[in-house]
N, C-alpha and C. Protein backbone atom coordinates (compact mmCIF):
# COMPACT_ATOMS: atom_id res chain seq x y z
N MET A 1 0.82 -1.19 0.00
CA MET A 1 0.00 0.00 0.00
C MET A 1 0.87 1.25 0.00
N SER A 2 2.06 1.22 0.55
CA SER A 2 2.92 2.39 0.59
C SER A 2 3.61 2.59 -0.75
N SER A 3 3.90 3.84 -1.08
CA SER A 3 4.63 4.15 -2.29
C SER A 3 6.05 3.59 -2.18
N SER A 4 6.77 3.55 -3.30
CA SER A 4 8.13 3.03 -3.27
C SER A 4 9.03 3.91 -2.43
N ALA A 5 10.09 3.29 -1.88
CA ALA A 5 10.96 3.98 -0.92
C ALA A 5 12.25 4.46 -1.57
N THR A 6 12.78 5.56 -1.02
CA THR A 6 14.07 6.14 -1.39
C THR A 6 14.88 6.24 -0.12
N LEU A 7 16.19 6.03 -0.19
CA LEU A 7 17.03 6.21 0.99
C LEU A 7 17.68 7.57 0.94
N ALA A 8 17.62 8.29 2.07
CA ALA A 8 18.17 9.64 2.16
C ALA A 8 19.43 9.64 3.00
N GLY A 9 20.29 8.67 2.82
CA GLY A 9 21.50 8.58 3.63
C GLY A 9 21.21 7.94 4.97
N SER A 10 22.17 8.01 5.85
CA SER A 10 22.04 7.33 7.14
C SER A 10 21.24 8.13 8.16
N ALA A 11 20.82 9.34 7.82
CA ALA A 11 20.14 10.21 8.78
C ALA A 11 18.68 9.82 9.02
N THR A 12 18.07 9.08 8.09
CA THR A 12 16.65 8.72 8.24
C THR A 12 16.43 7.29 7.78
N GLY A 13 15.19 6.85 7.91
CA GLY A 13 14.79 5.57 7.33
C GLY A 13 14.40 5.79 5.88
N ALA A 14 13.62 4.88 5.35
CA ALA A 14 13.18 4.97 3.97
C ALA A 14 12.22 6.14 3.79
N ALA A 15 12.41 6.88 2.70
CA ALA A 15 11.55 8.00 2.34
C ALA A 15 10.66 7.55 1.19
N TYR A 16 9.39 7.96 1.20
CA TYR A 16 8.42 7.48 0.22
C TYR A 16 8.05 8.56 -0.79
N GLY A 17 7.84 8.15 -2.03
CA GLY A 17 7.41 9.05 -3.08
C GLY A 17 8.53 9.41 -4.02
N GLU A 18 8.22 10.31 -4.96
CA GLU A 18 9.20 10.70 -5.98
C GLU A 18 9.95 11.98 -5.63
N GLY A 19 9.54 12.66 -4.55
CA GLY A 19 10.26 13.84 -4.08
C GLY A 19 10.03 15.07 -4.94
N PRO A 20 10.69 16.14 -4.62
CA PRO A 20 11.85 16.25 -3.75
C PRO A 20 11.54 16.35 -2.26
N VAL A 21 10.26 16.41 -1.88
CA VAL A 21 9.87 16.38 -0.47
C VAL A 21 9.25 15.01 -0.22
N PHE A 22 9.70 14.34 0.83
CA PHE A 22 9.30 12.96 1.11
C PHE A 22 8.81 12.79 2.54
N PRO A 23 7.87 11.87 2.79
CA PRO A 23 7.56 11.46 4.16
C PRO A 23 8.43 10.26 4.56
N VAL A 24 8.84 10.24 5.83
CA VAL A 24 9.58 9.12 6.41
C VAL A 24 8.77 8.66 7.62
N THR A 25 8.41 7.38 7.66
CA THR A 25 7.55 6.90 8.75
C THR A 25 8.28 6.07 9.80
N GLY A 26 9.49 5.67 9.53
CA GLY A 26 10.21 4.83 10.49
C GLY A 26 9.87 3.36 10.36
N GLY A 27 9.11 3.00 9.36
CA GLY A 27 8.72 1.61 9.13
C GLY A 27 7.93 1.52 7.84
N ALA A 28 7.22 0.42 7.69
CA ALA A 28 6.45 0.22 6.46
C ALA A 28 5.13 0.98 6.46
N ALA A 29 4.75 1.56 7.60
CA ALA A 29 3.48 2.28 7.71
C ALA A 29 3.59 3.36 8.78
N ILE A 30 2.59 4.23 8.84
CA ILE A 30 2.51 5.21 9.92
C ILE A 30 2.08 4.45 11.16
N GLY A 31 2.89 4.49 12.21
CA GLY A 31 2.54 3.82 13.46
C GLY A 31 1.67 4.72 14.31
N LEU A 32 0.47 4.27 14.64
CA LEU A 32 -0.49 5.09 15.38
C LEU A 32 -0.51 4.73 16.86
N GLY A 33 -0.71 5.73 17.69
CA GLY A 33 -0.83 5.54 19.13
C GLY A 33 -2.29 5.40 19.54
N PRO A 34 -2.55 5.48 20.85
CA PRO A 34 -3.92 5.32 21.36
C PRO A 34 -4.82 6.48 20.92
N ALA A 35 -6.11 6.21 20.85
CA ALA A 35 -7.08 7.24 20.47
C ALA A 35 -7.23 8.26 21.59
N GLY A 36 -7.32 9.53 21.20
CA GLY A 36 -7.55 10.60 22.15
C GLY A 36 -9.03 10.76 22.43
N ALA A 37 -9.39 11.75 23.23
CA ALA A 37 -10.79 12.01 23.57
C ALA A 37 -11.63 12.32 22.33
N ASP A 38 -10.98 12.87 21.29
CA ASP A 38 -11.68 13.18 20.05
C ASP A 38 -11.77 11.98 19.10
N GLY A 39 -11.22 10.84 19.51
CA GLY A 39 -11.26 9.63 18.69
C GLY A 39 -10.13 9.52 17.68
N LEU A 40 -9.29 10.54 17.58
CA LEU A 40 -8.19 10.52 16.62
C LEU A 40 -6.95 9.87 17.22
N ARG A 41 -6.19 9.18 16.38
CA ARG A 41 -4.93 8.55 16.78
C ARG A 41 -3.78 9.30 16.14
N GLY A 42 -2.74 9.56 16.91
CA GLY A 42 -1.58 10.29 16.40
C GLY A 42 -0.48 9.36 15.92
N GLY A 43 0.23 9.80 14.90
CA GLY A 43 1.38 9.07 14.38
C GLY A 43 2.43 10.07 13.91
N LYS A 44 3.69 9.65 13.95
CA LYS A 44 4.79 10.54 13.56
C LYS A 44 5.16 10.35 12.10
N ILE A 45 5.35 11.48 11.42
CA ILE A 45 5.92 11.48 10.08
C ILE A 45 7.00 12.55 10.05
N LEU A 46 8.18 12.16 9.61
CA LEU A 46 9.26 13.11 9.38
C LEU A 46 9.23 13.47 7.90
N TRP A 47 9.10 14.76 7.59
CA TRP A 47 9.12 15.21 6.20
C TRP A 47 10.53 15.68 5.92
N ILE A 48 11.09 15.24 4.79
CA ILE A 48 12.45 15.63 4.42
C ILE A 48 12.45 16.18 3.01
N SER A 49 13.44 17.01 2.72
CA SER A 49 13.57 17.62 1.40
C SER A 49 14.98 17.38 0.87
N ARG A 50 15.07 16.99 -0.40
CA ARG A 50 16.38 16.79 -1.04
C ARG A 50 17.21 18.07 -0.94
N PRO A 51 18.54 17.91 -0.90
CA PRO A 51 19.42 19.08 -0.83
C PRO A 51 19.24 20.04 -2.00
N VAL A 52 18.88 19.54 -3.17
CA VAL A 52 18.75 20.40 -4.35
C VAL A 52 17.47 21.23 -4.35
N TYR A 53 16.53 20.91 -3.45
CA TYR A 53 15.28 21.65 -3.39
C TYR A 53 15.24 22.50 -2.11
N SER A 54 15.16 23.80 -2.29
CA SER A 54 15.12 24.69 -1.12
C SER A 54 13.81 25.45 -1.01
N GLY A 55 12.84 25.09 -1.83
CA GLY A 55 11.56 25.79 -1.85
C GLY A 55 10.58 25.29 -0.82
N PRO A 56 9.41 25.92 -0.77
CA PRO A 56 8.38 25.53 0.19
C PRO A 56 7.51 24.39 -0.36
N ALA A 57 6.72 23.82 0.53
CA ALA A 57 5.74 22.81 0.14
C ALA A 57 4.54 22.93 1.07
N LEU A 58 3.38 22.66 0.53
CA LEU A 58 2.15 22.60 1.31
C LEU A 58 1.68 21.15 1.27
N ILE A 59 1.52 20.55 2.44
CA ILE A 59 1.19 19.13 2.54
C ILE A 59 -0.22 18.97 3.06
N ARG A 60 -1.01 18.16 2.35
CA ARG A 60 -2.38 17.86 2.76
C ARG A 60 -2.57 16.36 2.70
N GLY A 61 -3.53 15.86 3.45
CA GLY A 61 -3.78 14.42 3.43
C GLY A 61 -5.25 14.09 3.55
N ALA A 62 -5.59 12.87 3.14
CA ALA A 62 -6.97 12.38 3.24
C ALA A 62 -6.94 10.86 3.29
N ARG A 63 -7.93 10.30 3.91
CA ARG A 63 -8.07 8.84 3.91
C ARG A 63 -8.59 8.42 2.54
N LEU A 64 -7.99 7.38 1.96
CA LEU A 64 -8.37 6.94 0.63
C LEU A 64 -9.38 5.80 0.64
N ASP A 65 -9.47 5.08 1.75
CA ASP A 65 -10.38 3.93 1.82
C ASP A 65 -11.58 4.18 2.73
N GLY A 66 -11.91 5.45 2.90
CA GLY A 66 -13.07 5.81 3.71
C GLY A 66 -13.12 7.32 3.89
N PRO A 67 -14.24 7.83 4.44
CA PRO A 67 -14.36 9.27 4.63
C PRO A 67 -13.65 9.74 5.91
N SER A 68 -12.59 10.50 5.75
CA SER A 68 -11.87 11.01 6.92
C SER A 68 -10.78 11.97 6.48
N ASP A 69 -10.52 12.96 7.31
CA ASP A 69 -9.42 13.91 7.07
C ASP A 69 -8.16 13.41 7.75
N VAL A 70 -7.07 14.02 7.36
CA VAL A 70 -5.80 13.89 8.08
C VAL A 70 -5.57 15.23 8.73
N ARG A 71 -5.27 15.23 10.02
CA ARG A 71 -5.01 16.48 10.74
C ARG A 71 -3.53 16.57 11.10
N PHE A 72 -3.00 17.77 11.15
CA PHE A 72 -1.62 18.03 11.53
C PHE A 72 -1.62 18.97 12.74
N SER A 73 -0.48 19.18 13.32
CA SER A 73 -0.27 20.21 14.35
C SER A 73 -1.26 20.14 15.50
N GLY A 74 -1.24 19.04 16.22
CA GLY A 74 -2.11 18.91 17.37
C GLY A 74 -3.55 18.61 17.01
N GLY A 75 -3.79 18.21 15.77
CA GLY A 75 -5.13 17.83 15.35
C GLY A 75 -6.02 18.98 14.95
N THR A 76 -5.46 20.19 14.76
CA THR A 76 -6.28 21.35 14.47
C THR A 76 -6.23 21.80 13.02
N SER A 77 -5.21 21.41 12.27
CA SER A 77 -5.04 21.90 10.90
C SER A 77 -5.06 20.75 9.89
N THR A 78 -5.63 21.00 8.71
CA THR A 78 -5.64 19.98 7.66
C THR A 78 -4.49 20.19 6.67
N THR A 79 -3.60 21.15 6.94
CA THR A 79 -2.43 21.37 6.09
C THR A 79 -1.18 21.52 6.95
N LEU A 80 -0.04 21.29 6.33
CA LEU A 80 1.26 21.46 6.98
C LEU A 80 2.17 22.18 6.00
N ARG A 81 2.80 23.26 6.44
CA ARG A 81 3.72 24.01 5.58
C ARG A 81 5.14 23.57 5.83
N PHE A 82 5.84 23.23 4.76
CA PHE A 82 7.26 22.93 4.81
C PHE A 82 7.92 24.16 4.22
N ASP A 83 8.43 25.05 5.08
CA ASP A 83 8.93 26.34 4.64
C ASP A 83 10.38 26.26 4.18
N LEU A 84 10.86 27.39 3.68
CA LEU A 84 12.24 27.48 3.19
C LEU A 84 13.24 27.13 4.27
N GLU A 85 12.99 27.51 5.51
CA GLU A 85 13.94 27.24 6.60
C GLU A 85 13.23 26.49 7.70
N THR A 86 13.56 25.22 7.88
CA THR A 86 12.94 24.41 8.93
C THR A 86 13.76 24.44 10.21
N HIS A 87 14.97 25.00 10.15
CA HIS A 87 15.89 25.05 11.30
C HIS A 87 16.31 23.67 11.76
N SER A 88 16.18 22.68 10.90
CA SER A 88 16.58 21.32 11.23
C SER A 88 17.14 20.67 9.97
N ARG A 89 18.43 20.35 9.99
CA ARG A 89 19.09 19.79 8.82
C ARG A 89 20.02 18.66 9.22
N ALA A 90 20.32 17.80 8.27
CA ALA A 90 21.30 16.73 8.50
C ALA A 90 22.69 17.35 8.53
N GLY A 91 23.56 16.80 9.34
CA GLY A 91 24.95 17.26 9.38
C GLY A 91 25.25 17.98 10.67
N ASP A 92 26.29 18.76 10.66
CA ASP A 92 26.79 19.46 11.84
C ASP A 92 26.00 20.75 12.06
N ALA A 93 25.32 20.85 13.19
CA ALA A 93 24.46 22.01 13.47
C ALA A 93 25.27 23.30 13.57
N THR A 94 26.55 23.22 13.94
CA THR A 94 27.34 24.44 14.10
C THR A 94 27.88 24.97 12.78
N GLU A 95 28.01 24.11 11.77
CA GLU A 95 28.56 24.54 10.49
C GLU A 95 27.55 24.44 9.36
N GLY A 96 26.31 24.18 9.69
CA GLY A 96 25.30 24.02 8.65
C GLY A 96 25.22 22.57 8.21
N SER A 97 24.48 22.33 7.19
CA SER A 97 24.22 20.97 6.75
C SER A 97 25.33 20.42 5.88
N VAL A 98 25.89 19.30 6.28
CA VAL A 98 26.89 18.63 5.47
C VAL A 98 26.20 17.91 4.31
N GLN A 99 25.10 17.24 4.61
CA GLN A 99 24.39 16.49 3.59
C GLN A 99 23.33 17.33 2.88
N GLY A 100 22.84 18.36 3.52
CA GLY A 100 21.91 19.28 2.89
C GLY A 100 20.44 18.95 2.97
N TRP A 101 20.06 17.80 3.52
CA TRP A 101 18.64 17.45 3.63
C TRP A 101 17.97 18.31 4.69
N ARG A 102 16.80 18.87 4.38
CA ARG A 102 16.01 19.62 5.37
C ARG A 102 15.02 18.66 6.01
N PHE A 103 14.73 18.86 7.29
CA PHE A 103 13.84 17.98 8.05
C PHE A 103 12.72 18.79 8.68
N LEU A 104 11.50 18.23 8.69
CA LEU A 104 10.37 18.83 9.40
C LEU A 104 9.61 17.71 10.12
N PRO A 105 9.86 17.54 11.42
CA PRO A 105 9.10 16.53 12.17
C PRO A 105 7.64 16.96 12.30
N SER A 106 6.73 15.99 12.25
CA SER A 106 5.31 16.32 12.39
C SER A 106 4.55 15.17 13.03
N LEU A 107 3.38 15.51 13.51
CA LEU A 107 2.42 14.51 13.97
C LEU A 107 1.21 14.60 13.06
N VAL A 108 0.67 13.44 12.69
CA VAL A 108 -0.58 13.40 11.95
C VAL A 108 -1.61 12.74 12.84
N TYR A 109 -2.86 13.14 12.69
CA TYR A 109 -3.97 12.59 13.49
C TYR A 109 -5.02 12.06 12.54
N VAL A 110 -5.34 10.77 12.70
CA VAL A 110 -6.30 10.10 11.83
C VAL A 110 -7.26 9.27 12.69
N VAL A 111 -8.36 8.81 12.09
CA VAL A 111 -9.35 8.05 12.85
C VAL A 111 -8.90 6.62 13.14
N GLY A 112 -7.98 6.09 12.36
CA GLY A 112 -7.52 4.73 12.61
C GLY A 112 -6.79 4.13 11.44
N THR A 113 -6.65 2.82 11.48
CA THR A 113 -5.92 2.12 10.43
C THR A 113 -6.58 2.34 9.08
N GLY A 114 -5.76 2.31 8.05
CA GLY A 114 -6.30 2.48 6.72
C GLY A 114 -5.25 2.95 5.74
N CYS A 115 -5.72 3.39 4.60
CA CYS A 115 -4.88 3.87 3.52
C CYS A 115 -5.04 5.39 3.42
N TYR A 116 -3.93 6.10 3.47
CA TYR A 116 -3.96 7.56 3.48
C TYR A 116 -3.12 8.12 2.33
N GLY A 117 -3.64 9.14 1.70
CA GLY A 117 -2.93 9.80 0.62
C GLY A 117 -2.48 11.18 1.07
N PHE A 118 -1.27 11.55 0.69
CA PHE A 118 -0.73 12.86 1.01
C PHE A 118 -0.37 13.56 -0.30
N GLN A 119 -0.82 14.80 -0.43
CA GLN A 119 -0.50 15.61 -1.59
C GLN A 119 0.49 16.67 -1.17
N ILE A 120 1.61 16.74 -1.86
CA ILE A 120 2.68 17.68 -1.54
C ILE A 120 2.74 18.68 -2.69
N ASP A 121 2.23 19.89 -2.44
CA ASP A 121 2.20 20.93 -3.46
C ASP A 121 3.42 21.82 -3.34
N MET A 122 4.15 21.98 -4.45
CA MET A 122 5.31 22.86 -4.53
C MET A 122 5.07 23.81 -5.69
N PRO A 123 5.79 24.92 -5.77
CA PRO A 123 5.52 25.88 -6.85
C PRO A 123 5.58 25.29 -8.25
N GLU A 124 6.48 24.35 -8.50
CA GLU A 124 6.67 23.81 -9.85
C GLU A 124 6.01 22.46 -10.10
N ARG A 125 5.55 21.79 -9.03
CA ARG A 125 4.98 20.46 -9.21
C ARG A 125 4.18 20.02 -8.01
N THR A 126 3.40 18.96 -8.22
CA THR A 126 2.63 18.33 -7.15
C THR A 126 2.98 16.85 -7.13
N VAL A 127 3.22 16.32 -5.94
CA VAL A 127 3.55 14.91 -5.77
C VAL A 127 2.53 14.28 -4.84
N ARG A 128 2.13 13.06 -5.13
CA ARG A 128 1.19 12.33 -4.26
C ARG A 128 1.87 11.08 -3.74
N VAL A 129 1.64 10.80 -2.46
CA VAL A 129 2.23 9.64 -1.80
C VAL A 129 1.13 8.90 -1.05
N THR A 130 1.12 7.59 -1.14
CA THR A 130 0.15 6.77 -0.44
C THR A 130 0.85 5.99 0.67
N LEU A 131 0.30 6.07 1.90
CA LEU A 131 0.87 5.37 3.04
C LEU A 131 -0.21 4.63 3.80
N ALA A 132 0.15 3.50 4.35
CA ALA A 132 -0.75 2.76 5.24
C ALA A 132 -0.56 3.29 6.66
N ALA A 133 -1.57 3.14 7.48
CA ALA A 133 -1.48 3.47 8.90
C ALA A 133 -1.94 2.26 9.71
N THR A 134 -1.16 1.88 10.71
CA THR A 134 -1.49 0.75 11.57
C THR A 134 -1.38 1.16 13.03
N VAL A 135 -2.22 0.57 13.88
CA VAL A 135 -2.18 0.87 15.30
C VAL A 135 -1.03 0.10 15.94
N GLN A 136 -0.12 0.82 16.58
CA GLN A 136 1.00 0.19 17.28
C GLN A 136 0.78 0.14 18.78
N VAL A 137 0.05 1.13 19.30
CA VAL A 137 -0.27 1.18 20.72
C VAL A 137 -1.79 1.29 20.84
N PRO A 138 -2.47 0.22 21.30
CA PRO A 138 -3.95 0.25 21.36
C PRO A 138 -4.49 1.29 22.33
């Protein structure tokens, strides 16, 4: 169910999609935690950008196998901005990025297991990535 993987060096796990902005889940799927009072389950996604791309991206998501949104930023927003400067890069923090990959850690909130699509809009192109979500902590 997940898109094909790309390796971004030793700094992360497998990155999914065609890039230049990719999600990294730390496994074969988004690992979800326990449901909150609102019924949503949180999971971590690290968004990374190739060194050759320094532009912004707007990330949106939706469940593909049922009616449901994907929420970001504490469950309040349906979009996530990957800006020009994330203040988090691979390499030596004191001398800047040796490898040049930009990183944006995030949490996503979904209703539960399933198939989720993420659309990554950039000024010159749009990329779509499909990821599975599984409950890791009931």
